[in-house]
Amino acid sequence: MNFQAMLINAVNYYRQYEQHNQLHPLPETRFKNAVVALDVSFAELAAQIGWFMAKADRKAVTKDELLVQYTRVLRGCLLVANLRNWNRNILVDDQQLAKLGRQLTQTDFSKLYLATKNMLNAAYFKHSETDFNHAWKLLLKLGLADLHFSQKEIATEFDHQCGVESIDHQ
């Protein structure tokens, strides 16, 4: 996945959204809104997966529906990285991605969710770039190892959401 291109496309997507809706938030308001939107997207992904529910209570969700929501989470994460100038944290090379994809799948998704949320909250409240970096890697692992999305599936859906012509992804 070309994270540099994805970052640019995510930022352009949000800029166009703000222009279209004639929004002119102050930088700190923009950042707070981005963090809240990321938090809500991640909570919606957890709800779709049903991590915290008995299997009998879970709604049937397709892989495509999960991919759409997962990609929204990544898009929000990229915006947060850009707004805090943490862009270097999202640049993961092919070797790191392969390693994340090979990690053991998580059996305690609630713990993964809470740990990731805790790190994202620390990134906001403590201005912790390290916590953001760890949360980003956990989110990538979630998609590649736990939800079994391919890099190509993620990149193609990401381009679709950002309104970018899809190119042949790895």
N, C-alpha and C. Protein backbone atom coordinates (compact mmCIF):
# COMPACT_ATOMS: atom_id res chain seq x y z
N MET A 1 0.85 -1.18 0.00
CA MET A 1 0.00 0.00 0.00
C MET A 1 0.89 1.24 0.00
N ASN A 2 0.48 2.21 -0.74
CA ASN A 2 1.23 3.46 -0.82
C ASN A 2 0.63 4.44 0.19
N PHE A 3 1.18 4.44 1.39
CA PHE A 3 0.61 5.26 2.46
C PHE A 3 0.79 6.75 2.21
N GLN A 4 1.85 7.12 1.51
CA GLN A 4 2.03 8.54 1.19
C GLN A 4 0.88 9.02 0.30
N ALA A 5 0.55 8.25 -0.72
CA ALA A 5 -0.57 8.61 -1.60
C ALA A 5 -1.89 8.57 -0.84
N MET A 6 -2.05 7.57 0.02
CA MET A 6 -3.29 7.47 0.80
C MET A 6 -3.45 8.67 1.73
N LEU A 7 -2.35 9.11 2.32
CA LEU A 7 -2.38 10.29 3.19
C LEU A 7 -2.82 11.52 2.41
N ILE A 8 -2.23 11.73 1.26
CA ILE A 8 -2.59 12.88 0.42
C ILE A 8 -4.06 12.81 0.03
N ASN A 9 -4.53 11.63 -0.38
CA ASN A 9 -5.92 11.48 -0.79
C ASN A 9 -6.89 11.69 0.37
N ALA A 10 -6.52 11.23 1.56
CA ALA A 10 -7.38 11.43 2.73
C ALA A 10 -7.48 12.91 3.07
N VAL A 11 -6.36 13.60 3.07
CA VAL A 11 -6.37 15.03 3.39
C VAL A 11 -7.18 15.79 2.35
N ASN A 12 -6.99 15.47 1.07
CA ASN A 12 -7.78 16.13 0.02
C ASN A 12 -9.26 15.85 0.17
N TYR A 13 -9.61 14.62 0.53
CA TYR A 13 -11.01 14.25 0.76
C TYR A 13 -11.62 15.15 1.83
N TYR A 14 -10.94 15.30 2.96
CA TYR A 14 -11.49 16.11 4.05
C TYR A 14 -11.50 17.59 3.72
N ARG A 15 -10.51 18.07 2.98
CA ARG A 15 -10.51 19.48 2.55
C ARG A 15 -11.70 19.76 1.64
N GLN A 16 -11.96 18.85 0.71
CA GLN A 16 -13.11 19.02 -0.18
C GLN A 16 -14.41 18.99 0.60
N TYR A 17 -14.49 18.12 1.60
CA TYR A 17 -15.68 18.04 2.45
C TYR A 17 -15.90 19.37 3.17
N GLU A 18 -14.83 19.94 3.73
CA GLU A 18 -14.95 21.22 4.43
C GLU A 18 -15.36 22.33 3.46
N GLN A 19 -14.76 22.37 2.28
CA GLN A 19 -15.10 23.39 1.30
C GLN A 19 -16.55 23.26 0.85
N HIS A 20 -16.96 22.04 0.56
CA HIS A 20 -18.32 21.80 0.10
C HIS A 20 -19.35 22.23 1.14
N ASN A 21 -19.05 21.99 2.40
CA ASN A 21 -19.97 22.34 3.48
C ASN A 21 -19.67 23.70 4.09
N GLN A 22 -18.78 24.44 3.47
CA GLN A 22 -18.40 25.78 3.91
C GLN A 22 -18.03 25.80 5.39
N LEU A 23 -17.20 24.85 5.77
CA LEU A 23 -16.71 24.77 7.14
C LEU A 23 -15.34 25.43 7.20
N HIS A 24 -15.12 26.20 8.25
CA HIS A 24 -13.84 26.88 8.43
C HIS A 24 -13.40 26.77 9.88
N PRO A 25 -13.19 25.53 10.35
CA PRO A 25 -12.84 25.38 11.77
C PRO A 25 -11.41 25.86 12.06
N LEU A 26 -11.21 26.29 13.29
CA LEU A 26 -9.86 26.61 13.74
C LEU A 26 -9.06 25.31 13.79
N PRO A 27 -7.74 25.38 13.69
CA PRO A 27 -6.94 24.16 13.67
C PRO A 27 -7.20 23.22 14.84
N GLU A 28 -7.32 23.74 16.05
CA GLU A 28 -7.55 22.85 17.20
C GLU A 28 -8.94 22.22 17.13
N THR A 29 -9.92 22.97 16.65
CA THR A 29 -11.27 22.41 16.48
C THR A 29 -11.26 21.33 15.41
N ARG A 30 -10.55 21.57 14.33
CA ARG A 30 -10.43 20.58 13.26
C ARG A 30 -9.83 19.28 13.82
N PHE A 31 -8.79 19.42 14.64
CA PHE A 31 -8.15 18.24 15.22
C PHE A 31 -9.10 17.51 16.16
N LYS A 32 -9.77 18.23 17.05
CA LYS A 32 -10.72 17.59 17.97
C LYS A 32 -11.81 16.86 17.20
N ASN A 33 -12.34 17.52 16.17
CA ASN A 33 -13.39 16.89 15.36
C ASN A 33 -12.87 15.62 14.67
N ALA A 34 -11.64 15.67 14.20
CA ALA A 34 -11.06 14.50 13.53
C ALA A 34 -10.89 13.34 14.52
N VAL A 35 -10.47 13.65 15.74
CA VAL A 35 -10.30 12.60 16.75
C VAL A 35 -11.64 11.99 17.12
N VAL A 36 -12.67 12.83 17.28
CA VAL A 36 -14.00 12.32 17.60
C VAL A 36 -14.53 11.46 16.45
N ALA A 37 -14.37 11.93 15.21
CA ALA A 37 -14.83 11.16 14.05
C ALA A 37 -14.12 9.81 13.98
N LEU A 38 -12.82 9.79 14.26
CA LEU A 38 -12.07 8.54 14.28
C LEU A 38 -12.60 7.61 15.37
N ASP A 39 -12.86 8.16 16.53
CA ASP A 39 -13.38 7.38 17.65
C ASP A 39 -14.74 6.76 17.30
N VAL A 40 -15.60 7.55 16.70
CA VAL A 40 -16.93 7.06 16.32
C VAL A 40 -16.82 5.99 15.24
N SER A 41 -15.97 6.21 14.25
CA SER A 41 -15.78 5.20 13.19
C SER A 41 -15.28 3.88 13.76
N PHE A 42 -14.34 3.98 14.68
CA PHE A 42 -13.79 2.76 15.29
C PHE A 42 -14.86 2.05 16.12
N ALA A 43 -15.67 2.82 16.84
CA ALA A 43 -16.77 2.22 17.63
C ALA A 43 -17.78 1.54 16.70
N GLU A 44 -18.06 2.17 15.56
CA GLU A 44 -18.99 1.57 14.60
C GLU A 44 -18.43 0.27 14.03
N LEU A 45 -17.12 0.23 13.80
CA LEU A 45 -16.49 -1.00 13.33
C LEU A 45 -16.63 -2.09 14.39
N ALA A 46 -16.38 -1.74 15.64
CA ALA A 46 -16.53 -2.72 16.73
C ALA A 46 -17.96 -3.23 16.81
N ALA A 47 -18.92 -2.33 16.62
CA ALA A 47 -20.33 -2.73 16.66
C ALA A 47 -20.65 -3.68 15.51
N GLN A 48 -20.12 -3.40 14.32
CA GLN A 48 -20.36 -4.29 13.19
C GLN A 48 -19.78 -5.67 13.42
N ILE A 49 -18.58 -5.71 13.96
CA ILE A 49 -17.94 -7.00 14.22
C ILE A 49 -18.65 -7.70 15.37
N GLY A 50 -19.13 -6.93 16.33
CA GLY A 50 -19.85 -7.51 17.46
C GLY A 50 -18.93 -8.13 18.49
N TRP A 51 -17.76 -7.53 18.67
CA TRP A 51 -16.76 -8.06 19.59
C TRP A 51 -17.31 -8.35 20.97
N PHE A 52 -18.20 -7.50 21.40
CA PHE A 52 -18.65 -7.51 22.80
C PHE A 52 -19.99 -8.20 22.98
N MET A 53 -20.54 -8.77 21.93
CA MET A 53 -21.87 -9.38 21.98
C MET A 53 -21.78 -10.90 21.93
N ALA A 54 -22.78 -11.52 22.49
CA ALA A 54 -22.91 -12.97 22.33
C ALA A 54 -23.15 -13.25 20.84
N LYS A 55 -22.64 -14.35 20.35
CA LYS A 55 -22.76 -14.66 18.92
C LYS A 55 -24.21 -14.64 18.45
N ALA A 56 -25.12 -15.07 19.29
CA ALA A 56 -26.53 -15.10 18.91
C ALA A 56 -27.09 -13.70 18.69
N ASP A 57 -26.48 -12.68 19.31
CA ASP A 57 -26.98 -11.31 19.21
C ASP A 57 -26.33 -10.51 18.09
N ARG A 58 -25.32 -11.07 17.45
CA ARG A 58 -24.60 -10.34 16.40
C ARG A 58 -25.41 -10.32 15.11
N LYS A 59 -25.38 -9.17 14.46
CA LYS A 59 -26.02 -9.05 13.15
C LYS A 59 -25.07 -9.60 12.10
N ALA A 60 -25.64 -10.16 11.06
CA ALA A 60 -24.82 -10.65 9.95
C ALA A 60 -24.27 -9.45 9.18
N VAL A 61 -22.97 -9.41 9.03
CA VAL A 61 -22.31 -8.32 8.31
C VAL A 61 -21.40 -8.96 7.27
N THR A 62 -21.44 -8.43 6.06
CA THR A 62 -20.60 -8.98 5.00
C THR A 62 -19.17 -8.48 5.13
N LYS A 63 -18.27 -9.19 4.49
CA LYS A 63 -16.87 -8.77 4.48
C LYS A 63 -16.74 -7.39 3.83
N ASP A 64 -17.53 -7.13 2.80
CA ASP A 64 -17.48 -5.83 2.13
C ASP A 64 -17.92 -4.71 3.05
N GLU A 65 -18.95 -4.95 3.85
CA GLU A 65 -19.41 -3.93 4.81
C GLU A 65 -18.33 -3.64 5.85
N LEU A 66 -17.67 -4.69 6.31
CA LEU A 66 -16.57 -4.50 7.27
C LEU A 66 -15.42 -3.74 6.63
N LEU A 67 -15.12 -4.06 5.38
CA LEU A 67 -14.03 -3.38 4.68
C LEU A 67 -14.32 -1.89 4.55
N VAL A 68 -15.54 -1.54 4.21
CA VAL A 68 -15.92 -0.13 4.08
C VAL A 68 -15.69 0.59 5.41
N GLN A 69 -16.17 0.00 6.50
CA GLN A 69 -16.04 0.66 7.80
C GLN A 69 -14.58 0.68 8.27
N TYR A 70 -13.88 -0.39 8.05
CA TYR A 70 -12.46 -0.44 8.44
C TYR A 70 -11.68 0.65 7.71
N THR A 71 -11.96 0.83 6.44
CA THR A 71 -11.26 1.83 5.65
C THR A 71 -11.60 3.24 6.12
N ARG A 72 -12.83 3.46 6.58
CA ARG A 72 -13.18 4.75 7.18
C ARG A 72 -12.30 5.04 8.40
N VAL A 73 -12.06 4.01 9.19
CA VAL A 73 -11.20 4.16 10.36
C VAL A 73 -9.79 4.56 9.92
N LEU A 74 -9.25 3.88 8.93
CA LEU A 74 -7.91 4.23 8.45
C LEU A 74 -7.87 5.65 7.91
N ARG A 75 -8.90 6.03 7.17
CA ARG A 75 -8.96 7.38 6.61
C ARG A 75 -8.94 8.42 7.72
N GLY A 76 -9.70 8.17 8.78
CA GLY A 76 -9.70 9.09 9.92
C GLY A 76 -8.36 9.14 10.62
N CYS A 77 -7.71 8.01 10.71
CA CYS A 77 -6.40 7.94 11.34
C CYS A 77 -5.37 8.74 10.53
N LEU A 78 -5.46 8.65 9.24
CA LEU A 78 -4.54 9.40 8.38
C LEU A 78 -4.75 10.90 8.54
N LEU A 79 -5.99 11.33 8.68
CA LEU A 79 -6.26 12.75 8.89
C LEU A 79 -5.68 13.21 10.22
N VAL A 80 -5.88 12.45 11.27
CA VAL A 80 -5.33 12.80 12.58
C VAL A 80 -3.80 12.91 12.49
N ALA A 81 -3.17 11.96 11.83
CA ALA A 81 -1.71 12.00 11.67
C ALA A 81 -1.28 13.28 10.97
N ASN A 82 -1.99 13.64 9.93
CA ASN A 82 -1.63 14.84 9.19
C ASN A 82 -1.83 16.11 10.01
N LEU A 83 -2.91 16.17 10.75
CA LEU A 83 -3.20 17.38 11.53
C LEU A 83 -2.21 17.59 12.67
N ARG A 84 -1.52 16.55 13.10
CA ARG A 84 -0.52 16.67 14.16
C ARG A 84 0.91 16.55 13.62
N ASN A 85 1.04 16.54 12.30
CA ASN A 85 2.36 16.39 11.67
C ASN A 85 3.06 15.11 12.12
N TRP A 86 2.27 14.04 12.21
CA TRP A 86 2.80 12.73 12.57
C TRP A 86 2.81 11.83 11.34
N ASN A 87 2.95 12.42 10.17
CA ASN A 87 2.87 11.67 8.92
C ASN A 87 3.88 10.54 8.85
N ARG A 88 5.06 10.74 9.42
CA ARG A 88 6.10 9.71 9.34
C ARG A 88 5.65 8.41 10.01
N ASN A 89 4.70 8.51 10.95
CA ASN A 89 4.23 7.32 11.67
C ASN A 89 3.38 6.40 10.80
N ILE A 90 2.79 6.94 9.77
CA ILE A 90 1.91 6.11 8.94
C ILE A 90 2.66 5.47 7.78
N LEU A 91 3.90 5.85 7.59
CA LEU A 91 4.68 5.30 6.49
C LEU A 91 5.25 3.94 6.90
N VAL A 92 4.55 2.90 6.52
CA VAL A 92 4.93 1.53 6.85
C VAL A 92 5.38 0.86 5.56
N ASP A 93 6.56 0.26 5.60
CA ASP A 93 7.07 -0.37 4.38
C ASP A 93 6.47 -1.77 4.19
N ASP A 94 6.73 -2.34 3.03
CA ASP A 94 6.16 -3.65 2.68
C ASP A 94 6.57 -4.74 3.66
N GLN A 95 7.80 -4.68 4.13
CA GLN A 95 8.28 -5.69 5.09
C GLN A 95 7.50 -5.60 6.41
N GLN A 96 7.29 -4.38 6.90
CA GLN A 96 6.52 -4.21 8.14
C GLN A 96 5.07 -4.66 7.95
N LEU A 97 4.49 -4.33 6.79
CA LEU A 97 3.11 -4.75 6.52
C LEU A 97 3.00 -6.27 6.48
N ALA A 98 3.96 -6.91 5.85
CA ALA A 98 3.94 -8.38 5.79
C ALA A 98 4.03 -8.96 7.20
N LYS A 99 4.88 -8.37 8.03
CA LYS A 99 5.02 -8.84 9.41
C LYS A 99 3.71 -8.65 10.18
N LEU A 100 3.06 -7.51 10.01
CA LEU A 100 1.78 -7.27 10.68
C LEU A 100 0.73 -8.28 10.23
N GLY A 101 0.73 -8.59 8.93
CA GLY A 101 -0.24 -9.53 8.39
C GLY A 101 -0.03 -10.96 8.85
N ARG A 102 1.20 -11.28 9.27
CA ARG A 102 1.50 -12.63 9.74
C ARG A 102 1.30 -12.81 11.24
N GLN A 103 1.04 -11.73 11.95
CA GLN A 103 0.89 -11.85 13.40
C GLN A 103 -0.32 -12.70 13.74
N LEU A 104 -0.26 -13.29 14.90
CA LEU A 104 -1.37 -14.12 15.35
C LEU A 104 -2.65 -13.31 15.41
N THR A 105 -3.72 -13.95 15.02
CA THR A 105 -5.00 -13.25 15.08
C THR A 105 -5.43 -13.09 16.53
N GLN A 106 -6.12 -12.02 16.77
CA GLN A 106 -6.57 -11.68 18.12
C GLN A 106 -7.82 -12.48 18.47
N THR A 107 -7.83 -13.04 19.64
CA THR A 107 -9.03 -13.74 20.09
C THR A 107 -9.84 -12.88 21.05
N ASP A 108 -9.20 -11.92 21.68
CA ASP A 108 -9.88 -11.02 22.60
C ASP A 108 -10.00 -9.65 21.95
N PHE A 109 -10.99 -9.52 21.07
CA PHE A 109 -11.14 -8.28 20.33
C PHE A 109 -11.50 -7.11 21.24
N SER A 110 -12.20 -7.37 22.32
CA SER A 110 -12.54 -6.29 23.25
C SER A 110 -11.27 -5.68 23.83
N LYS A 111 -10.31 -6.52 24.16
CA LYS A 111 -9.04 -6.01 24.70
C LYS A 111 -8.30 -5.21 23.63
N LEU A 112 -8.28 -5.71 22.41
CA LEU A 112 -7.64 -5.00 21.30
C LEU A 112 -8.30 -3.64 21.10
N TYR A 113 -9.62 -3.62 21.12
CA TYR A 113 -10.37 -2.38 20.93
C TYR A 113 -10.03 -1.38 22.04
N LEU A 114 -10.08 -1.83 23.28
CA LEU A 114 -9.82 -0.93 24.41
C LEU A 114 -8.37 -0.44 24.42
N ALA A 115 -7.43 -1.31 24.08
CA ALA A 115 -6.03 -0.90 24.03
C ALA A 115 -5.81 0.14 22.94
N THR A 116 -6.41 -0.08 21.78
CA THR A 116 -6.27 0.87 20.68
C THR A 116 -6.91 2.20 21.03
N LYS A 117 -8.11 2.16 21.60
CA LYS A 117 -8.77 3.40 22.03
C LYS A 117 -7.94 4.14 23.07
N ASN A 118 -7.36 3.40 24.00
CA ASN A 118 -6.53 4.01 25.03
C ASN A 118 -5.34 4.74 24.40
N MET A 119 -4.72 4.10 23.41
CA MET A 119 -3.58 4.72 22.74
C MET A 119 -4.01 5.95 21.94
N LEU A 120 -5.16 5.87 21.27
CA LEU A 120 -5.65 7.03 20.53
C LEU A 120 -6.00 8.17 21.47
N ASN A 121 -6.57 7.85 22.61
CA ASN A 121 -6.86 8.89 23.61
C ASN A 121 -5.58 9.51 24.15
N ALA A 122 -4.56 8.70 24.39
CA ALA A 122 -3.27 9.23 24.85
C ALA A 122 -2.64 10.11 23.77
N ALA A 123 -2.82 9.73 22.52
CA ALA A 123 -2.30 10.55 21.43
C ALA A 123 -2.94 11.94 21.48
N TYR A 124 -4.22 11.98 21.81
CA TYR A 124 -4.92 13.27 21.89
C TYR A 124 -4.58 14.01 23.19
N PHE A 125 -4.84 13.38 24.32
CA PHE A 125 -4.73 14.09 25.59
C PHE A 125 -3.29 14.34 26.03
N LYS A 126 -2.39 13.43 25.70
CA LYS A 126 -0.99 13.57 26.12
C LYS A 126 -0.09 14.00 24.96
N HIS A 127 -0.68 14.21 23.80
CA HIS A 127 0.08 14.56 22.60
C HIS A 127 1.17 13.52 22.32
N SER A 128 0.81 12.26 22.53
CA SER A 128 1.78 11.17 22.44
C SER A 128 1.86 10.60 21.04
N GLU A 129 2.92 10.96 20.36
CA GLU A 129 3.16 10.43 19.02
C GLU A 129 3.44 8.93 19.07
N THR A 130 4.10 8.49 20.13
CA THR A 130 4.40 7.07 20.30
C THR A 130 3.12 6.25 20.41
N ASP A 131 2.17 6.73 21.22
CA ASP A 131 0.90 6.01 21.35
C ASP A 131 0.15 5.99 20.02
N PHE A 132 0.19 7.11 19.29
CA PHE A 132 -0.46 7.14 17.98
C PHE A 132 0.17 6.08 17.06
N ASN A 133 1.48 6.01 17.06
CA ASN A 133 2.19 5.04 16.22
C ASN A 133 1.78 3.61 16.57
N HIS A 134 1.69 3.30 17.85
CA HIS A 134 1.27 1.95 18.26
C HIS A 134 -0.18 1.68 17.85
N ALA A 135 -1.04 2.67 18.03
CA ALA A 135 -2.45 2.49 17.64
C ALA A 135 -2.55 2.25 16.13
N TRP A 136 -1.79 2.99 15.35
CA TRP A 136 -1.79 2.83 13.89
C TRP A 136 -1.39 1.41 13.50
N LYS A 137 -0.34 0.91 14.13
CA LYS A 137 0.12 -0.45 13.82
C LYS A 137 -0.93 -1.49 14.24
N LEU A 138 -1.58 -1.27 15.39
CA LEU A 138 -2.65 -2.20 15.80
C LEU A 138 -3.80 -2.18 14.81
N LEU A 139 -4.14 -1.00 14.30
CA LEU A 139 -5.22 -0.91 13.32
C LEU A 139 -4.85 -1.63 12.02
N LEU A 140 -3.61 -1.48 11.59
CA LEU A 140 -3.18 -2.19 10.39
C LEU A 140 -3.21 -3.70 10.61
N LYS A 141 -2.73 -4.16 11.76
CA LYS A 141 -2.77 -5.58 12.10
C LYS A 141 -4.20 -6.08 12.13
N LEU A 142 -5.10 -5.28 12.69
CA LEU A 142 -6.51 -5.66 12.75
C LEU A 142 -7.04 -5.97 11.36
N GLY A 143 -6.77 -5.10 10.41
CA GLY A 143 -7.27 -5.31 9.05
C GLY A 143 -6.61 -6.46 8.33
N LEU A 144 -5.29 -6.54 8.45
CA LEU A 144 -4.55 -7.55 7.68
C LEU A 144 -4.61 -8.94 8.30
N ALA A 145 -4.41 -9.04 9.61
CA ALA A 145 -4.34 -10.36 10.25
C ALA A 145 -5.68 -10.82 10.81
N ASP A 146 -6.39 -9.93 11.48
CA ASP A 146 -7.61 -10.34 12.18
C ASP A 146 -8.83 -10.36 11.27
N LEU A 147 -8.97 -9.35 10.42
CA LEU A 147 -10.12 -9.30 9.52
C LEU A 147 -9.81 -9.90 8.15
N HIS A 148 -8.56 -10.24 7.92
CA HIS A 148 -8.12 -10.95 6.70
C HIS A 148 -8.37 -10.17 5.41
N PHE A 149 -8.18 -8.85 5.46
CA PHE A 149 -8.25 -8.05 4.24
C PHE A 149 -6.87 -8.06 3.59
N SER A 150 -6.86 -8.07 2.27
CA SER A 150 -5.58 -7.96 1.57
C SER A 150 -5.23 -6.48 1.45
N GLN A 151 -3.96 -6.23 1.21
CA GLN A 151 -3.53 -4.85 1.00
C GLN A 151 -4.26 -4.24 -0.20
N LYS A 152 -4.44 -5.05 -1.23
CA LYS A 152 -5.12 -4.56 -2.43
C LYS A 152 -6.57 -4.20 -2.12
N GLU A 153 -7.27 -5.03 -1.35
CA GLU A 153 -8.67 -4.74 -0.99
C GLU A 153 -8.76 -3.42 -0.22
N ILE A 154 -7.86 -3.24 0.73
CA ILE A 154 -7.88 -2.01 1.54
C ILE A 154 -7.60 -0.80 0.67
N ALA A 155 -6.55 -0.87 -0.14
CA ALA A 155 -6.16 0.26 -0.98
C ALA A 155 -7.24 0.61 -2.00
N THR A 156 -7.85 -0.39 -2.59
CA THR A 156 -8.90 -0.15 -3.59
C THR A 156 -10.12 0.50 -2.95
N GLU A 157 -10.54 0.00 -1.80
CA GLU A 157 -11.68 0.61 -1.09
C GLU A 157 -11.34 2.02 -0.63
N PHE A 158 -10.12 2.22 -0.19
CA PHE A 158 -9.70 3.55 0.24
C PHE A 158 -9.80 4.53 -0.92
N ASP A 159 -9.28 4.15 -2.07
CA ASP A 159 -9.36 5.01 -3.26
C ASP A 159 -10.82 5.29 -3.62
N HIS A 160 -11.65 4.28 -3.54
CA HIS A 160 -13.07 4.44 -3.84
C HIS A 160 -13.70 5.47 -2.90
N GLN A 161 -13.43 5.37 -1.61
CA GLN A 161 -14.01 6.31 -0.65
C GLN A 161 -13.52 7.73 -0.86
N CYS A 162 -12.28 7.87 -1.29
CA CYS A 162 -11.71 9.21 -1.49
C CYS A 162 -12.01 9.75 -2.89
N GLY A 163 -12.70 8.96 -3.70
CA GLY A 163 -13.04 9.41 -5.05
C GLY A 163 -11.86 9.46 -5.98
N VAL A 164 -10.91 8.56 -5.77
CA VAL A 164 -9.70 8.51 -6.58
C VAL A 164 -9.83 7.38 -7.57
N GLU A 165 -9.35 7.61 -8.78
CA GLU A 165 -9.32 6.53 -9.77
C GLU A 165 -8.45 5.41 -9.22
N SER A 166 -8.99 4.23 -9.15
CA SER A 166 -8.25 3.10 -8.61
C SER A 166 -7.14 2.70 -9.56
N ILE A 167 -5.94 2.52 -9.00
CA ILE A 167 -4.83 2.02 -9.80
C ILE A 167 -4.54 0.60 -9.34
N ASP A 168 -3.73 -0.09 -10.08
CA ASP A 168 -3.42 -1.46 -9.72
C ASP A 168 -2.53 -1.47 -8.48
N HIS A 169 -3.09 -1.92 -7.36
CA HIS A 169 -2.36 -1.98 -6.10
C HIS A 169 -1.74 -3.35 -5.94
N GLN A 170 -0.68 -3.38 -5.14
CA GLN A 170 0.02 -4.64 -4.87
C GLN A 170 -0.91 -5.65 -4.27
